[in-house]
PDB file of N, CA and C in Angstrom:
ATOM      1  N   MET A   1      53.467 164.308 130.021  1.00  0.00           N
ATOM      2  CA  MET A   1      54.329 163.886 131.085  1.00  0.00           C
ATOM      3  C   MET A   1      54.253 162.376 131.256  1.00  0.00           C
ATOM      4  N   GLY A   2      55.423 161.770 131.344  1.00  0.00           N
ATOM      5  CA  GLY A   2      55.468 160.328 131.556  1.00  0.00           C
ATOM      6  C   GLY A   2      55.485 160.022 133.048  1.00  0.00           C
ATOM      7  N   SER A   3      55.748 158.803 133.352  1.00  0.00           N
ATOM      8  CA  SER A   3      55.835 158.388 134.749  1.00  0.00           C
ATOM      9  C   SER A   3      57.058 159.035 135.407  1.00  0.00           C
ATOM     10  N   LYS A   4      57.123 158.960 136.720  1.00  0.00           N
ATOM     11  CA  LYS A   4      58.254 159.556 137.429  1.00  0.00           C
ATOM     12  C   LYS A   4      59.572 158.918 137.008  1.00  0.00           C
ATOM     13  N   SER A   5      59.534 157.614 136.806  1.00  0.00           N
ATOM     14  CA  SER A   5      60.779 156.931 136.425  1.00  0.00           C
ATOM     15  C   SER A   5      61.217 157.348 135.020  1.00  0.00           C
ATOM     16  N   ALA A   6      60.249 157.583 134.122  1.00  0.00           N
ATOM     17  CA  ALA A   6      60.583 158.025 132.770  1.00  0.00           C
ATOM     18  C   ALA A   6      61.161 159.434 132.795  1.00  0.00           C
ATOM     19  N   GLN A   7      60.614 160.287 133.652  1.00  0.00           N
ATOM     20  CA  GLN A   7      61.130 161.647 133.786  1.00  0.00           C
ATOM     21  C   GLN A   7      62.551 161.633 134.339  1.00  0.00           C
ATOM     22  N   LYS A   8      62.780 160.792 135.323  1.00  0.00           N
ATOM     23  CA  LYS A   8      64.118 160.686 135.913  1.00  0.00           C
ATOM     24  C   LYS A   8      65.110 160.141 134.882  1.00  0.00           C
ATOM     25  N   ALA A   9      64.682 159.154 134.114  1.00  0.00           N
ATOM     26  CA  ALA A   9      65.553 158.580 133.081  1.00  0.00           C
ATOM     27  C   ALA A   9      65.895 159.632 132.035  1.00  0.00           C
ATOM     28  N   ALA A  10      64.935 160.469 131.684  1.00  0.00           N
ATOM     29  CA  ALA A  10      65.175 161.527 130.695  1.00  0.00           C
ATOM     30  C   ALA A  10      66.184 162.547 131.225  1.00  0.00           C
ATOM     31  N   ARG A  11      66.050 162.890 132.513  1.00  0.00           N
ATOM     32  CA  ARG A  11      67.010 163.834 133.115  1.00  0.00           C
ATOM     33  C   ARG A  11      68.416 163.231 133.134  1.00  0.00           C
ATOM     34  N   ALA A  12      68.491 161.973 133.513  1.00  0.00           N
ATOM     35  CA  ALA A  12      69.794 161.297 133.590  1.00  0.00           C
ATOM     36  C   ALA A  12      70.419 161.192 132.206  1.00  0.00           C
ATOM     37  N   SER A  13      69.595 160.902 131.216  1.00  0.00           N
ATOM     38  CA  SER A  13      70.079 160.793 129.842  1.00  0.00           C
ATOM     39  C   SER A  13      70.639 162.132 129.368  1.00  0.00           C
ATOM     40  N   GLY A  14      69.950 163.208 129.710  1.00  0.00           N
ATOM     41  CA  GLY A  14      70.415 164.549 129.342  1.00  0.00           C
ATOM     42  C   GLY A  14      71.748 164.882 129.987  1.00  0.00           C
ATOM     43  N   ARG A  15      71.905 164.493 131.251  1.00  0.00           N
ATOM     44  CA  ARG A  15      73.183 164.743 131.941  1.00  0.00           C
ATOM     45  C   ARG A  15      74.314 163.955 131.290  1.00  0.00           C
ATOM     46  N   ARG A  16      74.053 162.699 130.971  1.00  0.00           N
ATOM     47  CA  ARG A  16      75.078 161.871 130.312  1.00  0.00           C
ATOM     48  C   ARG A  16      75.441 162.443 128.951  1.00  0.00           C
ATOM     49  N   GLN A  17      74.423 162.894 128.221  1.00  0.00           N
ATOM     50  CA  GLN A  17      74.652 163.453 126.886  1.00  0.00           C
ATOM     51  C   GLN A  17      75.570 164.669 126.958  1.00  0.00           C
ATOM     52  N   GLU A  18      75.323 165.556 127.929  1.00  0.00           N
ATOM     53  CA  GLU A  18      76.161 166.744 128.098  1.00  0.00           C
ATOM     54  C   GLU A  18      77.590 166.357 128.466  1.00  0.00           C
ATOM     55  N   ARG A  19      77.731 165.390 129.356  1.00  0.00           N
ATOM     56  CA  ARG A  19      79.055 164.964 129.806  1.00  0.00           C
ATOM     57  C   ARG A  19      79.829 164.306 128.668  1.00  0.00           C
ATOM     58  N   ASN A  20      79.130 163.497 127.871  1.00  0.00           N
ATOM     59  CA  ASN A  20      79.797 162.759 126.797  1.00  0.00           C
ATOM     60  C   ASN A  20      80.131 163.632 125.597  1.00  0.00           C
ATOM     61  N   LYS A  21      79.375 164.720 125.411  1.00  0.00           N
ATOM     62  CA  LYS A  21      79.559 165.568 124.231  1.00  0.00           C
ATOM     63  C   LYS A  21      80.978 166.127 124.154  1.00  0.00           C
ATOM     64  N   SER A  22      81.493 166.628 125.275  1.00  0.00           N
ATOM     65  CA  SER A  22      82.823 167.226 125.266  1.00  0.00           C
ATOM     66  C   SER A  22      83.899 166.165 125.028  1.00  0.00           C
ATOM     67  N   ILE A  23      83.700 164.985 125.584  1.00  0.00           N
ATOM     68  CA  ILE A  23      84.674 163.907 125.395  1.00  0.00           C
ATOM     69  C   ILE A  23      84.700 163.490 123.925  1.00  0.00           C
ATOM     70  N   ARG A  24      83.520 163.291 123.358  1.00  0.00           N
ATOM     71  CA  ARG A  24      83.421 162.875 121.957  1.00  0.00           C
ATOM     72  C   ARG A  24      84.022 163.931 121.034  1.00  0.00           C
ATOM     73  N   SER A  25      83.764 165.199 121.330  1.00  0.00           N
ATOM     74  CA  SER A  25      84.295 166.297 120.526  1.00  0.00           C
ATOM     75  C   SER A  25      85.819 166.321 120.589  1.00  0.00           C
ATOM     76  N   GLN A  26      86.383 166.124 121.778  1.00  0.00           N
ATOM     77  CA  GLN A  26      87.842 166.127 121.930  1.00  0.00           C
ATOM     78  C   GLN A  26      88.473 164.966 121.172  1.00  0.00           C
ATOM     79  N   VAL A  27      87.817 163.815 121.183  1.00  0.00           N
ATOM     80  CA  VAL A  27      88.320 162.656 120.443  1.00  0.00           C
ATOM     81  C   VAL A  27      88.381 162.987 118.947  1.00  0.00           C
ATOM     82  N   LYS A  28      87.309 163.573 118.426  1.00  0.00           N
ATOM     83  CA  LYS A  28      87.267 163.932 117.005  1.00  0.00           C
ATOM     84  C   LYS A  28      88.359 164.934 116.669  1.00  0.00           C
ATOM     85  N   THR A  29      88.560 165.923 117.539  1.00  0.00           N
ATOM     86  CA  THR A  29      89.589 166.936 117.319  1.00  0.00           C
ATOM     87  C   THR A  29      90.976 166.299 117.281  1.00  0.00           C
ATOM     88  N   ASP A  30      91.243 165.424 118.238  1.00  0.00           N
ATOM     89  CA  ASP A  30      92.554 164.763 118.295  1.00  0.00           C
ATOM     90  C   ASP A  30      92.796 163.919 117.049  1.00  0.00           C
ATOM     91  N   ILE A  31      91.773 163.216 116.583  1.00  0.00           N
ATOM     92  CA  ILE A  31      91.908 162.394 115.381  1.00  0.00           C
ATOM     93  C   ILE A  31      92.166 163.272 114.163  1.00  0.00           C
ATOM     94  N   ASP A  32      91.415 164.365 114.032  1.00  0.00           N
ATOM     95  CA  ASP A  32      91.596 165.270 112.892  1.00  0.00           C
ATOM     96  C   ASP A  32      93.015 165.848 112.864  1.00  0.00           C
ATOM     97  N   LYS A  33      93.492 166.287 114.020  1.00  0.00           N
ATOM     98  CA  LYS A  33      94.841 166.844 114.096  1.00  0.00           C
ATOM     99  C   LYS A  33      95.876 165.807 113.672  1.00  0.00           C
ATOM    100  N   ALA A  34      95.731 164.591 114.180  1.00  0.00           N
ATOM    101  CA  ALA A  34      96.681 163.531 113.857  1.00  0.00           C
ATOM    102  C   ALA A  34      96.650 163.218 112.363  1.00  0.00           C
ATOM    103  N   GLU A  35      95.455 163.118 111.775  1.00  0.00           N
ATOM    104  CA  GLU A  35      95.344 162.798 110.354  1.00  0.00           C
ATOM    105  C   GLU A  35      95.953 163.892 109.481  1.00  0.00           C
ATOM    106  N   LYS A  36      95.765 165.153 109.872  1.00  0.00           N
ATOM    107  CA  LYS A  36      96.348 166.258 109.102  1.00  0.00           C
ATOM    108  C   LYS A  36      97.872 166.233 109.163  1.00  0.00           C
ATOM    109  N   LEU A  37      98.423 165.956 110.350  1.00  0.00           N
ATOM    110  CA  LEU A  37      99.874 165.882 110.493  1.00  0.00           C
ATOM    111  C   LEU A  37     100.439 164.687 109.727  1.00  0.00           C
ATOM    112  N   ILE A  38      99.711 163.578 109.724  1.00  0.00           N
ATOM    113  CA  ILE A  38     100.151 162.392 108.980  1.00  0.00           C
ATOM    114  C   ILE A  38     100.172 162.702 107.492  1.00  0.00           C
ATOM    115  N   ALA A  39      99.124 163.350 106.994  1.00  0.00           N
ATOM    116  CA  ALA A  39      99.037 163.683 105.572  1.00  0.00           C
ATOM    117  C   ALA A  39     100.136 164.662 105.166  1.00  0.00           C
ATOM    118  N   ALA A  40     100.495 165.570 106.079  1.00  0.00           N
ATOM    119  CA  ALA A  40     101.532 166.558 105.786  1.00  0.00           C
ATOM    120  C   ALA A  40     102.933 165.970 105.946  1.00  0.00           C
ATOM    121  N   GLY A  41     103.029 164.795 106.535  1.00  0.00           N
ATOM    122  CA  GLY A  41     104.336 164.181 106.753  1.00  0.00           C
ATOM    123  C   GLY A  41     105.117 164.846 107.871  1.00  0.00           C
ATOM    124  N   ASP A  42     104.421 165.454 108.803  1.00  0.00           N
ATOM    125  CA  ASP A  42     105.044 166.169 109.920  1.00  0.00           C
ATOM    126  C   ASP A  42     105.687 165.178 110.896  1.00  0.00           C
ATOM    127  N   VAL A  43     106.765 165.629 111.542  1.00  0.00           N
ATOM    128  CA  VAL A  43     107.459 164.767 112.502  1.00  0.00           C
ATOM    129  C   VAL A  43     106.661 164.590 113.786  1.00  0.00           C
ATOM    130  N   LYS A  44     105.716 165.494 114.054  1.00  0.00           N
ATOM    131  CA  LYS A  44     104.909 165.415 115.266  1.00  0.00           C
ATOM    132  C   LYS A  44     103.690 164.515 115.084  1.00  0.00           C
ATOM    133  N   ALA A  45     103.571 163.878 113.940  1.00  0.00           N
ATOM    134  CA  ALA A  45     102.405 163.033 113.655  1.00  0.00           C
ATOM    135  C   ALA A  45     102.309 161.873 114.634  1.00  0.00           C
ATOM    136  N   LYS A  46     103.455 161.303 114.990  1.00  0.00           N
ATOM    137  CA  LYS A  46     103.457 160.153 115.895  1.00  0.00           C
ATOM    138  C   LYS A  46     102.927 160.546 117.279  1.00  0.00           C
ATOM    139  N   GLU A  47     103.337 161.734 117.761  1.00  0.00           N
ATOM    140  CA  GLU A  47     102.867 162.213 119.064  1.00  0.00           C
ATOM    141  C   GLU A  47     101.357 162.472 119.030  1.00  0.00           C
ATOM    142  N   ALA A  48     100.902 163.094 117.942  1.00  0.00           N
ATOM    143  CA  ALA A  48      99.477 163.406 117.809  1.00  0.00           C
ATOM    144  C   ALA A  48      98.653 162.120 117.727  1.00  0.00           C
ATOM    145  N   ALA A  49      99.178 161.125 117.034  1.00  0.00           N
ATOM    146  CA  ALA A  49      98.473 159.846 116.927  1.00  0.00           C
ATOM    147  C   ALA A  49      98.402 159.170 118.298  1.00  0.00           C
ATOM    148  N   ALA A  50      99.469 159.265 119.062  1.00  0.00           N
ATOM    149  CA  ALA A  50      99.479 158.669 120.401  1.00  0.00           C
ATOM    150  C   ALA A  50      98.441 159.354 121.298  1.00  0.00           C
ATOM    151  N   LYS A  51      98.313 160.669 121.159  1.00  0.00           N
ATOM    152  CA  LYS A  51      97.325 161.405 121.948  1.00  0.00           C
ATOM    153  C   LYS A  51      95.911 161.003 121.540  1.00  0.00           C
ATOM    154  N   ALA A  52      95.689 160.848 120.233  1.00  0.00           N
ATOM    155  CA  ALA A  52      94.372 160.445 119.732  1.00  0.00           C
ATOM    156  C   ALA A  52      94.030 159.029 120.201  1.00  0.00           C
ATOM    157  N   VAL A  53      94.988 158.133 120.169  1.00  0.00           N
ATOM    158  CA  VAL A  53      94.769 156.751 120.616  1.00  0.00           C
ATOM    159  C   VAL A  53      94.422 156.738 122.100  1.00  0.00           C
ATOM    160  N   SER A  54      95.120 157.561 122.881  1.00  0.00           N
ATOM    161  CA  SER A  54      94.837 157.648 124.313  1.00  0.00           C
ATOM    162  C   SER A  54      93.416 158.158 124.552  1.00  0.00           C
ATOM    163  N   ALA A  55      93.017 159.178 123.796  1.00  0.00           N
ATOM    164  CA  ALA A  55      91.665 159.734 123.936  1.00  0.00           C
ATOM    165  C   ALA A  55      90.615 158.688 123.560  1.00  0.00           C
ATOM    166  N   LEU A  56      90.890 157.925 122.502  1.00  0.00           N
ATOM    167  CA  LEU A  56      89.959 156.872 122.089  1.00  0.00           C
ATOM    168  C   LEU A  56      89.849 155.786 123.156  1.00  0.00           C
ATOM    169  N   ASP A  57      90.980 155.413 123.728  1.00  0.00           N
ATOM    170  CA  ASP A  57      90.969 154.401 124.798  1.00  0.00           C
ATOM    171  C   ASP A  57      90.119 154.859 125.979  1.00  0.00           C
ATOM    172  N   LYS A  58      90.302 156.121 126.385  1.00  0.00           N
ATOM    173  CA  LYS A  58      89.550 156.656 127.522  1.00  0.00           C
ATOM    174  C   LYS A  58      88.058 156.712 127.205  1.00  0.00           C
ATOM    175  N   ALA A  59      87.719 157.137 125.980  1.00  0.00           N
ATOM    176  CA  ALA A  59      86.308 157.231 125.590  1.00  0.00           C
ATOM    177  C   ALA A  59      85.671 155.837 125.564  1.00  0.00           C
ATOM    178  N   GLY A  60      86.416 154.849 125.102  1.00  0.00           N
ATOM    179  CA  GLY A  60      85.904 153.479 125.093  1.00  0.00           C
ATOM    180  C   GLY A  60      85.749 152.927 126.492  1.00  0.00           C
ATOM    181  N   GLU A  61      86.690 153.257 127.351  1.00  0.00           N
ATOM    182  CA  GLU A  61      86.655 152.775 128.729  1.00  0.00           C
ATOM    183  C   GLU A  61      85.482 153.382 129.500  1.00  0.00           C
ATOM    184  N   LYS A  62      85.174 154.647 129.207  1.00  0.00           N
ATOM    185  CA  LYS A  62      84.075 155.330 129.899  1.00  0.00           C
ATOM    186  C   LYS A  62      82.730 155.082 129.236  1.00  0.00           C
ATOM    187  N   LYS A  63      82.718 154.241 128.213  1.00  0.00           N
ATOM    188  CA  LYS A  63      81.494 153.899 127.478  1.00  0.00           C
ATOM    189  C   LYS A  63      80.894 155.088 126.729  1.00  0.00           C
ATOM    190  N   VAL A  64      81.727 156.109 126.448  1.00  0.00           N
ATOM    191  CA  VAL A  64      81.275 157.220 125.613  1.00  0.00           C
ATOM    192  C   VAL A  64      81.168 156.712 124.183  1.00  0.00           C
ATOM    193  N   LEU A  65      82.139 155.908 123.784  1.00  0.00           N
ATOM    194  CA  LEU A  65      82.119 155.208 122.499  1.00  0.00           C
ATOM    195  C   LEU A  65      82.068 153.714 122.800  1.00  0.00           C
ATOM    196  N   HIS A  66      81.472 152.968 121.912  1.00  0.00           N
ATOM    197  CA  HIS A  66      81.486 151.510 122.051  1.00  0.00           C
ATOM    198  C   HIS A  66      82.929 151.054 121.913  1.00  0.00           C
ATOM    199  N   GLY A  67      83.313 150.059 122.647  1.00  0.00           N
ATOM    200  CA  GLY A  67      84.697 149.587 122.633  1.00  0.00           C
ATOM    201  C   GLY A  67      85.185 149.209 121.248  1.00  0.00           C
ATOM    202  N   ASN A  68      84.340 148.523 120.488  1.00  0.00           N
ATOM    203  CA  ASN A  68      84.736 148.121 119.131  1.00  0.00           C
ATOM    204  C   ASN A  68      84.882 149.327 118.216  1.00  0.00           C
ATOM    205  N   ASN A  69      84.045 150.346 118.418  1.00  0.00           N
ATOM    206  CA  ASN A  69      84.127 151.566 117.618  1.00  0.00           C
ATOM    207  C   ASN A  69      85.464 152.260 117.882  1.00  0.00           C
ATOM    208  N   ALA A  70      85.846 152.364 119.143  1.00  0.00           N
ATOM    209  CA  ALA A  70      87.118 152.983 119.504  1.00  0.00           C
ATOM    210  C   ALA A  70      88.280 152.188 118.917  1.00  0.00           C
ATOM    211  N   SER A  71      88.209 150.867 118.987  1.00  0.00           N
ATOM    212  CA  SER A  71      89.269 150.019 118.443  1.00  0.00           C
ATOM    213  C   SER A  71      89.383 150.173 116.931  1.00  0.00           C
ATOM    214  N   ARG A  72      88.251 150.241 116.267  1.00  0.00           N
ATOM    215  CA  ARG A  72      88.257 150.399 114.812  1.00  0.00           C
ATOM    216  C   ARG A  72      88.891 151.735 114.413  1.00  0.00           C
ATOM    217  N   ARG A  73      88.534 152.793 115.128  1.00  0.00           N
ATOM    218  CA  ARG A  73      89.102 154.111 114.820  1.00  0.00           C
ATOM    219  C   ARG A  73      90.611 154.138 115.069  1.00  0.00           C
ATOM    220  N   LYS A  74      91.050 153.510 116.165  1.00  0.00           N
ATOM    221  CA  LYS A  74      92.486 153.439 116.460  1.00  0.00           C
ATOM    222  C   LYS A  74      93.209 152.687 115.344  1.00  0.00           C
ATOM    223  N   SER A  75      92.628 151.576 114.935  1.00  0.00           N
ATOM    224  CA  SER A  75      93.231 150.751 113.904  1.00  0.00           C
ATOM    225  C   SER A  75      93.401 151.534 112.608  1.00  0.00           C
ATOM    226  N   ARG A  76      92.373 152.241 112.210  1.00  0.00           N
ATOM    227  CA  ARG A  76      92.423 153.012 110.966  1.00  0.00           C
ATOM    228  C   ARG A  76      93.453 154.131 111.046  1.00  0.00           C
ATOM    229  N   LEU A  77      93.520 154.801 112.201  1.00  0.00           N
ATOM    230  CA  LEU A  77      94.478 155.888 112.375  1.00  0.00           C
ATOM    231  C   LEU A  77      95.910 155.366 112.329  1.00  0.00           C
ATOM    232  N   LEU A  78      96.170 154.282 113.048  1.00  0.00           N
ATOM    233  CA  LEU A  78      97.525 153.728 113.081  1.00  0.00           C
ATOM    234  C   LEU A  78      97.922 153.138 111.731  1.00  0.00           C
ATOM    235  N   LYS A  79      96.938 152.632 110.986  1.00  0.00           N
ATOM    236  CA  LYS A  79      97.202 152.120 109.646  1.00  0.00           C
ATOM    237  C   LYS A  79      97.694 153.255 108.744  1.00  0.00           C
ATOM    238  N   LYS A  80      97.046 154.424 108.846  1.00  0.00           N
ATOM    239  CA  LYS A  80      97.465 155.598 108.066  1.00  0.00           C
ATOM    240  C   LYS A  80      98.866 156.038 108.475  1.00  0.00           C
ATOM    241  N   LEU A  81      99.126 156.038 109.787  1.00  0.00           N
ATOM    242  CA  LEU A  81     100.435 156.456 110.288  1.00  0.00           C
ATOM    243  C   LEU A  81     101.530 155.518 109.783  1.00  0.00           C
ATOM    244  N   ASN A  82     101.300 154.208 109.896  1.00  0.00           N
ATOM    245  CA  ASN A  82     102.300 153.241 109.450  1.00  0.00           C
ATOM    246  C   ASN A  82     102.539 153.322 107.949  1.00  0.00           C
ATOM    247  N   LYS A  83     101.487 153.559 107.188  1.00  0.00           N
ATOM    248  CA  LYS A  83     101.623 153.679 105.740  1.00  0.00           C
ATOM    249  C   LYS A  83     102.447 154.915 105.393  1.00  0.00           C
ATOM    250  N   ALA A  84     102.197 156.020 106.097  1.00  0.00           N
ATOM    251  CA  ALA A  84     102.932 157.261 105.850  1.00  0.00           C
ATOM    252  C   ALA A  84     104.408 157.108 106.232  1.00  0.00           C
ATOM    253  N   GLU A  85     104.689 156.387 107.304  1.00  0.00           N
ATOM    254  CA  GLU A  85     106.077 156.181 107.728  1.00  0.00           C
ATOM    255  C   GLU A  85     106.815 155.255 106.779  1.00  0.00           C
ATOM    256  N   ALA A  86     106.100 154.308 106.184  1.00  0.00           N
ATOM    257  CA  ALA A  86     106.734 153.349 105.275  1.00  0.00           C
ATOM    258  C   ALA A  86     107.090 153.993 103.941  1.00  0.00           C
ATOM    259  N   THR A  87     106.295 154.963 103.519  1.00  0.00           N
ATOM    260  CA  THR A  87     106.558 155.640 102.244  1.00  0.00           C
ATOM    261  C   THR A  87     106.819 157.112 102.522  1.00  0.00           C
ATOM    262  N   PRO A  88     108.094 157.480 102.780  1.00  0.00           N
ATOM    263  CA  PRO A  88     108.408 158.886 103.059  1.00  0.00           C
ATOM    264  C   PRO A  88     108.198 159.748 101.821  1.00  0.00           C
ATOM    265  N   LYS A  89     108.016 161.040 102.049  1.00  0.00           N
ATOM    266  CA  LYS A  89     107.796 161.986 100.951  1.00  0.00           C
ATOM    267  C   LYS A  89     109.019 162.021 100.042  1.00  0.00           C
ATOM    268  N   ALA A  90     108.767 162.273  98.742  1.00  0.00           N
ATOM    269  CA  ALA A  90     109.855 162.373  97.770  1.00  0.00           C
ATOM    270  C   ALA A  90     110.643 163.653  98.019  1.00  0.00           C
ATOM    271  N   LYS A  91     111.907 163.641  97.649  1.00  0.00           N
ATOM    272  CA  LYS A  91     112.750 164.822  97.839  1.00  0.00           C
ATOM    273  C   LYS A  91     112.300 165.919  96.880  1.00  0.00           C
ATOM    274  N   ALA A  92     112.569 167.177  97.276  1.00  0.00           N
ATOM    275  CA  ALA A  92     112.089 168.320  96.489  1.00  0.00           C
ATOM    276  C   ALA A  92     112.824 168.441  95.158  1.00  0.00           C
ATOM    277  N   GLY A  93     114.132 168.280  95.168  1.00  0.00           N
ATOM    278  CA  GLY A  93     114.922 168.465  93.953  1.00  0.00           C
ATOM    279  C   GLY A  93     115.187 167.158  93.241  1.00  0.00           C
ATOM    280  N   PRO A  94     115.445 167.238  91.913  1.00  0.00           N
ATOM    281  CA  PRO A  94     115.763 166.007  91.178  1.00  0.00           C
ATOM    282  C   PRO A  94     117.154 165.524  91.538  1.00  0.00           C
ATOM    283  N   GLU A  95     117.320 164.209  91.555  1.00  0.00           N
ATOM    284  CA  GLU A  95     118.634 163.636  91.888  1.00  0.00           C
ATOM    285  C   GLU A  95     119.517 163.646  90.665  1.00  0.00           C
ATOM    286  N   LYS A  96     120.808 163.945  90.870  1.00  0.00           N
ATOM    287  CA  LYS A  96     121.749 163.988  89.771  1.00  0.00           C
ATOM    288  C   LYS A  96     122.450 162.632  89.645  1.00  0.00           C
ATOM    289  N   ALA A  97     122.583 162.196  88.413  1.00  0.00           N
ATOM    290  CA  ALA A  97     123.303 160.939  88.162  1.00  0.00           C
ATOM    291  C   ALA A  97     124.790 161.218  88.145  1.00  0.00           C
ATOM    292  N   ALA A  98     125.585 160.395  88.793  1.00  0.00           N
ATOM    293  CA  ALA A  98     127.023 160.644  88.875  1.00  0.00           C
ATOM    294  C   ALA A  98     127.789 160.003  87.768  1.00  0.00           C
TER     295      ALA A  98
END
């Protein structure tokens, strides 16, 4: 057993860990969903990316994630989205020459 202050700090740390776990998990889920939709070329990819960016912003604001970590993840996600939008999927059938 440590000092009273160490015991209190351990309890507080445990409470924060439990509270942050669900937020961090939701952020990961939102990012995964957005990345899968981007890779599939789905039209809902932009909405999913916006939701993931919002979740990252909230997690950074609440100090669940470090601000720079949240910014880096947003940047990487939006980079993938912009790249996918710039290069649309090829058409299924071959084009006929006229």
